[in-house]
Amino acid sequence: MARQLSDTALIEQSIVKKFRADLYSKFLKAVEDYSLVSPGDKIAVCISGGKDSFLLAKLMQELQRHGDYAGTFELEFVVMNPGYNEANSKKIEENAEKLGIPIKVFDSDIFRVSYNLDNQHPCYLCARMRRGFLYARAEELGCNKIALGHHKDDVIETTLIGMFFGGQIQGMMPKVKSTNFEGMELIRPMYCISERDILGWVNFNGLQFINCACKFTEEVRGGANSARKDVKNIIRELRTRNPDVDDSIFKSIHNVDLDTLPSFKFRDMSFSFGEKYDDELIIDRKPKNEKE
């Protein structure tokens, strides 16, 4: 008689079998292409309670258990509770148990503080405070990296939001060195994974996760449009004309031709059109504030 697999085992099996091409292979591509994981790392996998961060946790577990990276690095699964209500906190704990993820929960009052400081636009402040909190907890746990669940759609949307609403071309890096926590890096191992493939995995396994559950979301924003929602709608419309538009945008940030841009920034240094046009451009790879 065949052995009955547990719910956790079936979910794990779906990642490496049914969704291998869409999820695990693209996860491995990001890890390898951008050198996100190294032997001796201790990585804090940051779980917000949503689908993306929980999938990230399972992918990182798989990487740690099997293949070339097996046993070469450590993981901590960190849940920062910024002030969730009881129902959302319970849902996170239930999902962690179902998925076989040994979480460590740290409480804070970030929702309340960010809302009180700016009750009209608290999301940016909340995100910065949460990031700082996660860095601090990761440092306490002896980690040298924190892993976040941003995916390919986040990369694409962030790039277009900067262009459409911020007047700049600014992407989202797969790996970033912390400026406030020495020796700490932020990594995004789901950089090459599309959100629709994440949703496919969620629906296939009948999973339910929380969304952003802050006071601002519940009381103020409701169904109002945001810049990200606007960009999502634009991309959705463009897909009806070009099904490969997501890949085109994603490839474009890996294929920037600086010769065609009138000006640009590199390591906090600005280079003008005049310098480029008169062939006087010299790119010093060392930041201005770095000592000789």
C-alpha atoms as a PDB file:
ATOM      1  CA  MET A   1       0.000   0.000   0.000  1.00  0.00           C
ATOM      2  CA  ALA A   2       1.332   3.418  -0.951  1.00  0.00           C
ATOM      3  CA  ARG A   3       2.268   5.663   1.940  1.00  0.00           C
ATOM      4  CA  GLN A   4      -0.153   8.534   2.502  1.00  0.00           C
ATOM      5  CA  LEU A   5       1.625  11.864   2.270  1.00  0.00           C
ATOM      6  CA  SER A   6       0.898  14.628   4.774  1.00  0.00           C
ATOM      7  CA  ASP A   7      -0.546  17.965   3.660  1.00  0.00           C
ATOM      8  CA  THR A   8       2.868  19.536   4.145  1.00  0.00           C
ATOM      9  CA  ALA A   9       4.581  16.885   2.036  1.00  0.00           C
ATOM     10  CA  LEU A  10       2.016  17.253  -0.746  1.00  0.00           C
ATOM     11  CA  ILE A  11       2.545  21.028  -0.807  1.00  0.00           C
ATOM     12  CA  GLU A  12       6.309  20.545  -0.959  1.00  0.00           C
ATOM     13  CA  GLN A  13       5.919  17.953  -3.695  1.00  0.00           C
ATOM     14  CA  SER A  14       3.856  20.375  -5.786  1.00  0.00           C
ATOM     15  CA  ILE A  15       6.715  22.885  -5.740  1.00  0.00           C
ATOM     16  CA  VAL A  16       9.360  20.497  -7.061  1.00  0.00           C
ATOM     17  CA  LYS A  17       7.119  18.526  -9.428  1.00  0.00           C
ATOM     18  CA  LYS A  18       3.979  20.193 -10.814  1.00  0.00           C
ATOM     19  CA  PHE A  19       5.326  23.758 -10.463  1.00  0.00           C
ATOM     20  CA  ARG A  20       9.008  23.009 -10.915  1.00  0.00           C
ATOM     21  CA  ALA A  21       9.373  24.926 -14.194  1.00  0.00           C
ATOM     22  CA  ASP A  22       7.318  27.924 -13.080  1.00  0.00           C
ATOM     23  CA  LEU A  23       8.536  28.209  -9.482  1.00  0.00           C
ATOM     24  CA  TYR A  24      11.521  26.173  -8.355  1.00  0.00           C
ATOM     25  CA  SER A  25      13.601  26.430 -11.535  1.00  0.00           C
ATOM     26  CA  LYS A  26      13.092  30.202 -11.698  1.00  0.00           C
ATOM     27  CA  PHE A  27      13.924  30.465  -8.002  1.00  0.00           C
ATOM     28  CA  LEU A  28      17.180  28.575  -8.624  1.00  0.00           C
ATOM     29  CA  LYS A  29      17.921  30.814 -11.600  1.00  0.00           C
ATOM     30  CA  ALA A  30      17.727  33.928  -9.421  1.00  0.00           C
ATOM     31  CA  VAL A  31      19.812  32.348  -6.658  1.00  0.00           C
ATOM     32  CA  GLU A  32      22.524  31.397  -9.131  1.00  0.00           C
ATOM     33  CA  ASP A  33      22.434  34.352 -11.551  1.00  0.00           C
ATOM     34  CA  TYR A  34      22.609  36.953  -8.782  1.00  0.00           C
ATOM     35  CA  SER A  35      24.726  34.939  -6.275  1.00  0.00           C
ATOM     36  CA  LEU A  36      22.108  35.271  -3.547  1.00  0.00           C
ATOM     37  CA  VAL A  37      23.172  32.368  -1.307  1.00  0.00           C
ATOM     38  CA  SER A  38      26.683  31.376  -0.221  1.00  0.00           C
ATOM     39  CA  PRO A  39      28.077  28.660   2.049  1.00  0.00           C
ATOM     40  CA  GLY A  40      28.090  29.810   5.659  1.00  0.00           C
ATOM     41  CA  ASP A  41      25.170  32.218   5.259  1.00  0.00           C
ATOM     42  CA  LYS A  42      22.573  32.559   7.967  1.00  0.00           C
ATOM     43  CA  ILE A  43      19.469  33.955   6.309  1.00  0.00           C
ATOM     44  CA  ALA A  44      16.415  35.464   7.973  1.00  0.00           C
ATOM     45  CA  VAL A  45      13.434  34.618   5.773  1.00  0.00           C
ATOM     46  CA  CYS A  46      10.914  37.385   6.467  1.00  0.00           C
ATOM     47  CA  ILE A  47       7.300  36.209   6.535  1.00  0.00           C
ATOM     48  CA  SER A  48       4.548  38.814   6.372  1.00  0.00           C
ATOM     49  CA  GLY A  49       1.720  36.279   6.277  1.00  0.00           C
ATOM     50  CA  GLY A  50       0.985  36.643   2.572  1.00  0.00           C
ATOM     51  CA  LYS A  51       1.327  34.117  -0.238  1.00  0.00           C
ATOM     52  CA  ASP A  52       4.664  35.437  -1.501  1.00  0.00           C
ATOM     53  CA  SER A  53       6.595  35.254   1.752  1.00  0.00           C
ATOM     54  CA  PHE A  54       5.214  31.826   2.655  1.00  0.00           C
ATOM     55  CA  LEU A  55       6.178  30.444  -0.750  1.00  0.00           C
ATOM     56  CA  LEU A  56       9.624  31.990  -0.314  1.00  0.00           C
ATOM     57  CA  ALA A  57       9.968  30.135   2.992  1.00  0.00           C
ATOM     58  CA  LYS A  58       9.148  26.807   1.313  1.00  0.00           C
ATOM     59  CA  LEU A  59      11.552  27.473  -1.560  1.00  0.00           C
ATOM     60  CA  MET A  60      14.353  28.325   0.862  1.00  0.00           C
ATOM     61  CA  GLN A  61      13.649  25.151   2.842  1.00  0.00           C
ATOM     62  CA  GLU A  62      13.875  23.097  -0.340  1.00  0.00           C
ATOM     63  CA  LEU A  63      17.172  24.761  -1.264  1.00  0.00           C
ATOM     64  CA  GLN A  64      18.590  24.031   2.182  1.00  0.00           C
ATOM     65  CA  ARG A  65      17.547  20.366   2.125  1.00  0.00           C
ATOM     66  CA  HIS A  66      18.433  19.251  -1.406  1.00  0.00           C
ATOM     67  CA  GLY A  67      20.857  19.847  -4.247  1.00  0.00           C
ATOM     68  CA  ASP A  68      24.138  21.719  -4.365  1.00  0.00           C
ATOM     69  CA  TYR A  69      23.225  24.055  -1.499  1.00  0.00           C
ATOM     70  CA  ALA A  70      22.037  21.343   0.915  1.00  0.00           C
ATOM     71  CA  GLY A  71      23.338  21.876   4.431  1.00  0.00           C
ATOM     72  CA  THR A  72      25.608  24.762   3.486  1.00  0.00           C
ATOM     73  CA  PHE A  73      23.614  27.584   5.087  1.00  0.00           C
ATOM     74  CA  GLU A  74      21.196  28.242   7.956  1.00  0.00           C
ATOM     75  CA  LEU A  75      17.677  29.659   7.991  1.00  0.00           C
ATOM     76  CA  GLU A  76      15.594  31.600  10.487  1.00  0.00           C
ATOM     77  CA  PHE A  77      11.922  32.196   9.707  1.00  0.00           C
ATOM     78  CA  VAL A  78      10.990  35.584  11.118  1.00  0.00           C
ATOM     79  CA  VAL A  79       7.452  36.924  11.458  1.00  0.00           C
ATOM     80  CA  MET A  80       7.257  40.567  12.421  1.00  0.00           C
ATOM     81  CA  ASN A  81       3.817  41.258  13.894  1.00  0.00           C
ATOM     82  CA  PRO A  82       3.290  44.995  13.303  1.00  0.00           C
ATOM     83  CA  GLY A  83      -0.079  44.940  15.039  1.00  0.00           C
ATOM     84  CA  TYR A  84      -2.229  42.316  13.349  1.00  0.00           C
ATOM     85  CA  ASN A  85      -5.628  41.581  14.799  1.00  0.00           C
ATOM     86  CA  GLU A  86      -6.148  38.238  16.511  1.00  0.00           C
ATOM     87  CA  ALA A  87      -7.695  36.570  13.466  1.00  0.00           C
ATOM     88  CA  ASN A  88      -4.763  37.454  11.192  1.00  0.00           C
ATOM     89  CA  SER A  89      -2.180  36.415  13.780  1.00  0.00           C
ATOM     90  CA  LYS A  90      -3.925  33.073  14.179  1.00  0.00           C
ATOM     91  CA  LYS A  91      -4.074  32.589  10.397  1.00  0.00           C
ATOM     92  CA  ILE A  92      -0.317  33.135  10.095  1.00  0.00           C
ATOM     93  CA  GLU A  93       0.367  30.585  12.834  1.00  0.00           C
ATOM     94  CA  GLU A  94      -1.992  28.051  11.248  1.00  0.00           C
ATOM     95  CA  ASN A  95      -0.389  28.438   7.826  1.00  0.00           C
ATOM     96  CA  ALA A  96       3.097  28.119   9.294  1.00  0.00           C
ATOM     97  CA  GLU A  97       2.105  24.862  10.978  1.00  0.00           C
ATOM     98  CA  LYS A  98       0.407  23.529   7.832  1.00  0.00           C
ATOM     99  CA  LEU A  99       3.430  24.376   5.696  1.00  0.00           C
ATOM    100  CA  GLY A 100       5.944  23.026   8.214  1.00  0.00           C
ATOM    101  CA  ILE A 101       7.695  26.342   8.827  1.00  0.00           C
ATOM    102  CA  PRO A 102       9.173  26.913  12.324  1.00  0.00           C
ATOM    103  CA  ILE A 103       8.467  30.626  12.695  1.00  0.00           C
ATOM    104  CA  LYS A 104       9.736  33.060  15.309  1.00  0.00           C
ATOM    105  CA  VAL A 105       7.243  35.868  15.978  1.00  0.00           C
ATOM    106  CA  PHE A 106       8.357  39.326  17.098  1.00  0.00           C
ATOM    107  CA  ASP A 107       5.688  41.810  18.167  1.00  0.00           C
ATOM    108  CA  SER A 108       5.760  45.547  17.466  1.00  0.00           C
ATOM    109  CA  ASP A 109       3.355  48.494  17.247  1.00  0.00           C
ATOM    110  CA  ILE A 110       4.441  49.691  13.797  1.00  0.00           C
ATOM    111  CA  PHE A 111       0.892  49.864  12.403  1.00  0.00           C
ATOM    112  CA  ARG A 112      -0.182  52.192  15.216  1.00  0.00           C
ATOM    113  CA  VAL A 113       2.943  54.365  15.131  1.00  0.00           C
ATOM    114  CA  SER A 114       3.005  54.837  11.339  1.00  0.00           C
ATOM    115  CA  TYR A 115      -0.742  55.548  11.234  1.00  0.00           C
ATOM    116  CA  ASN A 116      -0.477  58.127  14.021  1.00  0.00           C
ATOM    117  CA  LEU A 117       2.486  59.871  12.408  1.00  0.00           C
ATOM    118  CA  ASP A 118       0.863  60.075   8.956  1.00  0.00           C
ATOM    119  CA  ASN A 119      -2.713  58.856   8.821  1.00  0.00           C
ATOM    120  CA  GLN A 120      -3.156  59.923   5.191  1.00  0.00           C
ATOM    121  CA  HIS A 121      -0.125  58.209   3.643  1.00  0.00           C
ATOM    122  CA  PRO A 122       1.310  55.799   6.213  1.00  0.00           C
ATOM    123  CA  CYS A 123       2.276  52.955   3.849  1.00  0.00           C
ATOM    124  CA  TYR A 124       5.736  54.297   2.917  1.00  0.00           C
ATOM    125  CA  LEU A 125       6.587  55.027   6.551  1.00  0.00           C
ATOM    126  CA  CYS A 126       5.233  51.643   7.627  1.00  0.00           C
ATOM    127  CA  ALA A 127       7.359  49.836   5.021  1.00  0.00           C
ATOM    128  CA  ARG A 128      10.534  51.628   6.132  1.00  0.00           C
ATOM    129  CA  MET A 129       9.861  50.930   9.794  1.00  0.00           C
ATOM    130  CA  ARG A 130       9.138  47.272   9.111  1.00  0.00           C
ATOM    131  CA  ARG A 131      12.346  46.907   7.092  1.00  0.00           C
ATOM    132  CA  GLY A 132      14.411  48.441   9.894  1.00  0.00           C
ATOM    133  CA  PHE A 133      12.739  46.184  12.459  1.00  0.00           C
ATOM    134  CA  LEU A 134      13.510  43.095  10.365  1.00  0.00           C
ATOM    135  CA  TYR A 135      17.155  44.075   9.939  1.00  0.00           C
ATOM    136  CA  ALA A 136      17.483  44.539  13.704  1.00  0.00           C
ATOM    137  CA  ARG A 137      15.884  41.175  14.530  1.00  0.00           C
ATOM    138  CA  ALA A 138      17.998  39.423  11.885  1.00  0.00           C
ATOM    139  CA  GLU A 139      21.126  40.939  13.402  1.00  0.00           C
ATOM    140  CA  GLU A 140      20.071  39.734  16.865  1.00  0.00           C
ATOM    141  CA  LEU A 141      19.676  36.216  15.470  1.00  0.00           C
ATOM    142  CA  GLY A 142      23.184  36.310  13.994  1.00  0.00           C
ATOM    143  CA  CYS A 143      22.026  36.485  10.376  1.00  0.00           C
ATOM    144  CA  ASN A 144      24.010  38.121   7.586  1.00  0.00           C
ATOM    145  CA  LYS A 145      21.130  38.284   5.092  1.00  0.00           C
ATOM    146  CA  ILE A 146      17.395  38.885   5.066  1.00  0.00           C
ATOM    147  CA  ALA A 147      15.252  37.382   2.310  1.00  0.00           C
ATOM    148  CA  LEU A 148      12.082  39.094   1.104  1.00  0.00           C
ATOM    149  CA  GLY A 149       9.305  37.704  -1.081  1.00  0.00           C
ATOM    150  CA  HIS A 150       9.301  40.300  -3.866  1.00  0.00           C
ATOM    151  CA  HIS A 151       8.619  38.661  -7.230  1.00  0.00           C
ATOM    152  CA  LYS A 152       8.988  39.503 -10.917  1.00  0.00           C
ATOM    153  CA  ASP A 153       5.742  41.494 -11.047  1.00  0.00           C
ATOM    154  CA  ASP A 154       6.956  43.650  -8.151  1.00  0.00           C
ATOM    155  CA  VAL A 155      10.160  44.365 -10.095  1.00  0.00           C
ATOM    156  CA  ILE A 156       8.255  45.322 -13.247  1.00  0.00           C
ATOM    157  CA  GLU A 157       5.647  47.425 -11.449  1.00  0.00           C
ATOM    158  CA  THR A 158       8.227  49.279  -9.352  1.00  0.00           C
ATOM    159  CA  THR A 159      10.135  50.205 -12.495  1.00  0.00           C
ATOM    160  CA  LEU A 160       7.021  51.577 -14.197  1.00  0.00           C
ATOM    161  CA  ILE A 161       5.793  53.387 -11.075  1.00  0.00           C
ATOM    162  CA  GLY A 162       9.092  55.264 -10.984  1.00  0.00           C
ATOM    163  CA  MET A 163       8.690  56.285 -14.619  1.00  0.00           C
ATOM    164  CA  PHE A 164       4.978  57.142 -14.573  1.00  0.00           C
ATOM    165  CA  PHE A 165       4.687  58.726 -11.134  1.00  0.00           C
ATOM    166  CA  GLY A 166       8.219  59.526  -9.946  1.00  0.00           C
ATOM    167  CA  GLY A 167       9.909  60.950 -13.017  1.00  0.00           C
ATOM    168  CA  GLN A 168      12.824  58.522 -12.801  1.00  0.00           C
ATOM    169  CA  ILE A 169      14.002  55.177 -14.094  1.00  0.00           C
ATOM    170  CA  GLN A 170      14.659  53.179 -10.970  1.00  0.00           C
ATOM    171  CA  GLY A 171      14.480  49.427 -10.610  1.00  0.00           C
ATOM    172  CA  MET A 172      14.408  46.898  -7.782  1.00  0.00           C
ATOM    173  CA  MET A 173      17.698  45.084  -7.226  1.00  0.00           C
ATOM    174  CA  PRO A 174      17.900  41.323  -6.562  1.00  0.00           C
ATOM    175  CA  LYS A 175      20.487  41.948  -3.846  1.00  0.00           C
ATOM    176  CA  VAL A 176      21.230  45.092  -1.818  1.00  0.00           C
ATOM    177  CA  LYS A 177      23.837  45.888   0.818  1.00  0.00           C
ATOM    178  CA  SER A 178      22.414  47.514   3.943  1.00  0.00           C
ATOM    179  CA  THR A 179      23.648  51.024   4.629  1.00  0.00           C
ATOM    180  CA  ASN A 180      22.645  50.955   8.311  1.00  0.00           C
ATOM    181  CA  PHE A 181      23.523  47.387   9.340  1.00  0.00           C
ATOM    182  CA  GLU A 182      27.130  46.599   8.504  1.00  0.00           C
ATOM    183  CA  GLY A 183      27.669  43.265   6.782  1.00  0.00           C
ATOM    184  CA  MET A 184      23.946  42.705   6.210  1.00  0.00           C
ATOM    185  CA  GLU A 185      22.443  42.105   2.764  1.00  0.00           C
ATOM    186  CA  LEU A 186      18.868  41.996   1.503  1.00  0.00           C
ATOM    187  CA  ILE A 187      18.128  39.317  -1.085  1.00  0.00           C
ATOM    188  CA  ARG A 188      15.085  38.678  -3.303  1.00  0.00           C
ATOM    189  CA  PRO A 189      15.201  34.998  -4.357  1.00  0.00           C
ATOM    190  CA  MET A 190      11.792  35.115  -6.122  1.00  0.00           C
ATOM    191  CA  TYR A 191      13.045  37.847  -8.454  1.00  0.00           C
ATOM    192  CA  CYS A 192      12.318  35.775 -11.593  1.00  0.00           C
ATOM    193  CA  ILE A 193       8.963  34.276 -10.516  1.00  0.00           C
ATOM    194  CA  SER A 194       5.683  35.667 -11.889  1.00  0.00           C
ATOM    195  CA  GLU A 195       2.783  36.388  -9.550  1.00  0.00           C
ATOM    196  CA  ARG A 196       0.337  34.415 -11.689  1.00  0.00           C
ATOM    197  CA  ASP A 197       2.465  31.295 -11.163  1.00  0.00           C
ATOM    198  CA  ILE A 198       2.455  31.910  -7.397  1.00  0.00           C
ATOM    199  CA  LEU A 199      -1.331  32.139  -7.532  1.00  0.00           C
ATOM    200  CA  GLY A 200      -1.430  28.908  -9.491  1.00  0.00           C
ATOM    201  CA  TRP A 201       0.447  27.145  -6.691  1.00  0.00           C
ATOM    202  CA  VAL A 202      -1.778  28.716  -4.023  1.00  0.00           C
ATOM    203  CA  ASN A 203      -4.994  27.685  -5.778  1.00  0.00           C
ATOM    204  CA  PHE A 204      -3.757  24.183  -6.606  1.00  0.00           C
ATOM    205  CA  ASN A 205      -3.055  23.523  -2.918  1.00  0.00           C
ATOM    206  CA  GLY A 206      -6.213  25.264  -1.673  1.00  0.00           C
ATOM    207  CA  LEU A 207      -4.209  27.656   0.507  1.00  0.00           C
ATOM    208  CA  GLN A 208      -5.446  30.925   2.005  1.00  0.00           C
ATOM    209  CA  PHE A 209      -3.178  33.719   3.187  1.00  0.00           C
ATOM    210  CA  ILE A 210      -3.696  37.180   4.645  1.00  0.00           C
ATOM    211  CA  ASN A 211      -3.230  40.360   2.644  1.00  0.00           C
ATOM    212  CA  CYS A 212      -2.033  43.678   4.038  1.00  0.00           C
ATOM    213  CA  ALA A 213      -4.120  43.982   7.188  1.00  0.00           C
ATOM    214  CA  CYS A 214      -3.241  47.377   8.584  1.00  0.00           C
ATOM    215  CA  LYS A 215      -5.683  49.969   9.912  1.00  0.00           C
ATOM    216  CA  PHE A 216      -5.145  52.175   6.869  1.00  0.00           C
ATOM    217  CA  THR A 217      -6.085  49.389   4.457  1.00  0.00           C
ATOM    218  CA  GLU A 218      -9.197  48.503   6.449  1.00  0.00           C
ATOM    219  CA  GLU A 219     -10.493  52.011   7.154  1.00  0.00           C
ATOM    220  CA  VAL A 220      -9.211  54.398   4.524  1.00  0.00           C
ATOM    221  CA  ARG A 221      -7.949  52.961   1.301  1.00  0.00           C
ATOM    222  CA  GLY A 222     -10.690  50.465   0.564  1.00  0.00           C
ATOM    223  CA  GLY A 223     -11.163  50.209  -3.175  1.00  0.00           C
ATOM    224  CA  ALA A 224      -9.395  53.431  -4.028  1.00  0.00           C
ATOM    225  CA  ASN A 225      -6.807  53.356  -6.793  1.00  0.00           C
ATOM    226  CA  SER A 226      -3.128  53.442  -5.972  1.00  0.00           C
ATOM    227  CA  ALA A 227      -0.132  53.913  -8.246  1.00  0.00           C
ATOM    228  CA  ARG A 228       0.616  50.191  -8.105  1.00  0.00           C
ATOM    229  CA  LYS A 229      -2.972  49.269  -8.919  1.00  0.00           C
ATOM    230  CA  ASP A 230      -2.941  51.690 -11.856  1.00  0.00           C
ATOM    231  CA  VAL A 231       0.255  50.117 -13.189  1.00  0.00           C
ATOM    232  CA  LYS A 232      -1.173  46.615 -12.760  1.00  0.00           C
ATOM    233  CA  ASN A 233      -4.163  47.652 -14.858  1.00  0.00           C
ATOM    234  CA  ILE A 234      -1.933  49.148 -17.556  1.00  0.00           C
ATOM    235  CA  ILE A 235       0.147  45.966 -17.781  1.00  0.00           C
ATOM    236  CA  ARG A 236      -2.991  43.831 -17.853  1.00  0.00           C
ATOM    237  CA  GLU A 237      -4.275  45.859 -20.812  1.00  0.00           C
ATOM    238  CA  LEU A 238      -0.933  45.648 -22.627  1.00  0.00           C
ATOM    239  CA  ARG A 239      -0.931  41.861 -22.244  1.00  0.00           C
ATOM    240  CA  THR A 240      -4.034  41.692 -24.463  1.00  0.00           C
ATOM    241  CA  ARG A 241      -1.912  43.147 -27.271  1.00  0.00           C
ATOM    242  CA  ASN A 242       1.452  41.617 -26.373  1.00  0.00           C
ATOM    243  CA  PRO A 243       1.391  38.496 -24.168  1.00  0.00           C
ATOM    244  CA  ASP A 244       5.148  38.852 -23.641  1.00  0.00           C
ATOM    245  CA  VAL A 245       5.064  42.417 -22.347  1.00  0.00           C
ATOM    246  CA  ASP A 246       6.089  41.370 -18.807  1.00  0.00           C
ATOM    247  CA  ASP A 247       9.208  39.640 -20.107  1.00  0.00           C
ATOM    248  CA  SER A 248      10.032  42.610 -22.328  1.00  0.00           C
ATOM    249  CA  ILE A 249       9.915  45.049 -19.419  1.00  0.00           C
ATOM    250  CA  PHE A 250      11.896  42.676 -17.184  1.00  0.00           C
ATOM    251  CA  LYS A 251      14.573  42.180 -19.844  1.00  0.00           C
ATOM    252  CA  SER A 252      14.808  45.928 -20.433  1.00  0.00           C
ATOM    253  CA  ILE A 253      16.174  46.609 -16.933  1.00  0.00           C
ATOM    254  CA  HIS A 254      18.935  44.066 -17.641  1.00  0.00           C
ATOM    255  CA  ASN A 255      19.747  45.663 -20.975  1.00  0.00           C
ATOM    256  CA  VAL A 256      20.045  49.404 -20.305  1.00  0.00           C
ATOM    257  CA  ASP A 257      21.977  51.309 -22.984  1.00  0.00           C
ATOM    258  CA  LEU A 258      23.504  54.299 -21.192  1.00  0.00           C
ATOM    259  CA  ASP A 259      24.732  55.699 -24.522  1.00  0.00           C
ATOM    260  CA  THR A 260      21.116  56.544 -25.380  1.00  0.00           C
ATOM    261  CA  LEU A 261      20.246  58.281 -22.091  1.00  0.00           C
ATOM    262  CA  PRO A 262      20.856  62.036 -21.749  1.00  0.00           C
ATOM    263  CA  SER A 263      21.922  61.687 -18.108  1.00  0.00           C
ATOM    264  CA  PHE A 264      22.112  59.057 -15.398  1.00  0.00           C
ATOM    265  CA  LYS A 265      23.290  58.303 -11.862  1.00  0.00           C
ATOM    266  CA  PHE A 266      25.838  55.738 -10.777  1.00  0.00           C
ATOM    267  CA  ARG A 267      26.761  55.118  -7.128  1.00  0.00           C
ATOM    268  CA  ASP A 268      25.330  58.479  -6.007  1.00  0.00           C
ATOM    269  CA  MET A 269      27.192  60.307  -8.767  1.00  0.00           C
ATOM    270  CA  SER A 270      25.365  62.191 -11.533  1.00  0.00           C
ATOM    271  CA  PHE A 271      26.596  62.243 -15.125  1.00  0.00           C
ATOM    272  CA  SER A 272      25.237  64.921 -17.435  1.00  0.00           C
ATOM    273  CA  PHE A 273      24.389  65.030 -21.103  1.00  0.00           C
ATOM    274  CA  GLY A 274      27.230  67.475 -21.722  1.00  0.00           C
ATOM    275  CA  GLU A 275      29.825  65.112 -20.283  1.00  0.00           C
ATOM    276  CA  LYS A 276      28.514  62.277 -22.419  1.00  0.00           C
ATOM    277  CA  TYR A 277      28.181  64.313 -25.591  1.00  0.00           C
ATOM    278  CA  ASP A 278      31.659  65.849 -25.399  1.00  0.00           C
ATOM    279  CA  ASP A 279      33.267  62.484 -24.622  1.00  0.00           C
ATOM    280  CA  GLU A 280      34.416  63.745 -21.236  1.00  0.00           C
ATOM    281  CA  LEU A 281      32.606  61.068 -19.275  1.00  0.00           C
ATOM    282  CA  ILE A 282      34.705  59.135 -16.764  1.00  0.00           C
ATOM    283  CA  ILE A 283      32.890  56.741 -14.473  1.00  0.00           C
ATOM    284  CA  ASP A 284      34.691  56.371 -11.177  1.00  0.00           C
ATOM    285  CA  ARG A 285      33.424  53.159  -9.588  1.00  0.00           C
ATOM    286  CA  LYS A 286      34.195  54.528  -6.116  1.00  0.00           C
ATOM    287  CA  PRO A 287      31.389  56.557  -4.446  1.00  0.00           C
ATOM    288  CA  LYS A 288      32.114  60.211  -3.715  1.00  0.00           C
ATOM    289  CA  ASN A 289      31.863  59.715   0.038  1.00  0.00           C
ATOM    290  CA  GLU A 290      34.247  56.747   0.094  1.00  0.00           C
ATOM    291  CA  LYS A 291      37.711  57.550   1.382  1.00  0.00           C
ATOM    292  CA  GLU A 292      40.823  56.689  -0.577  1.00  0.00           C
END
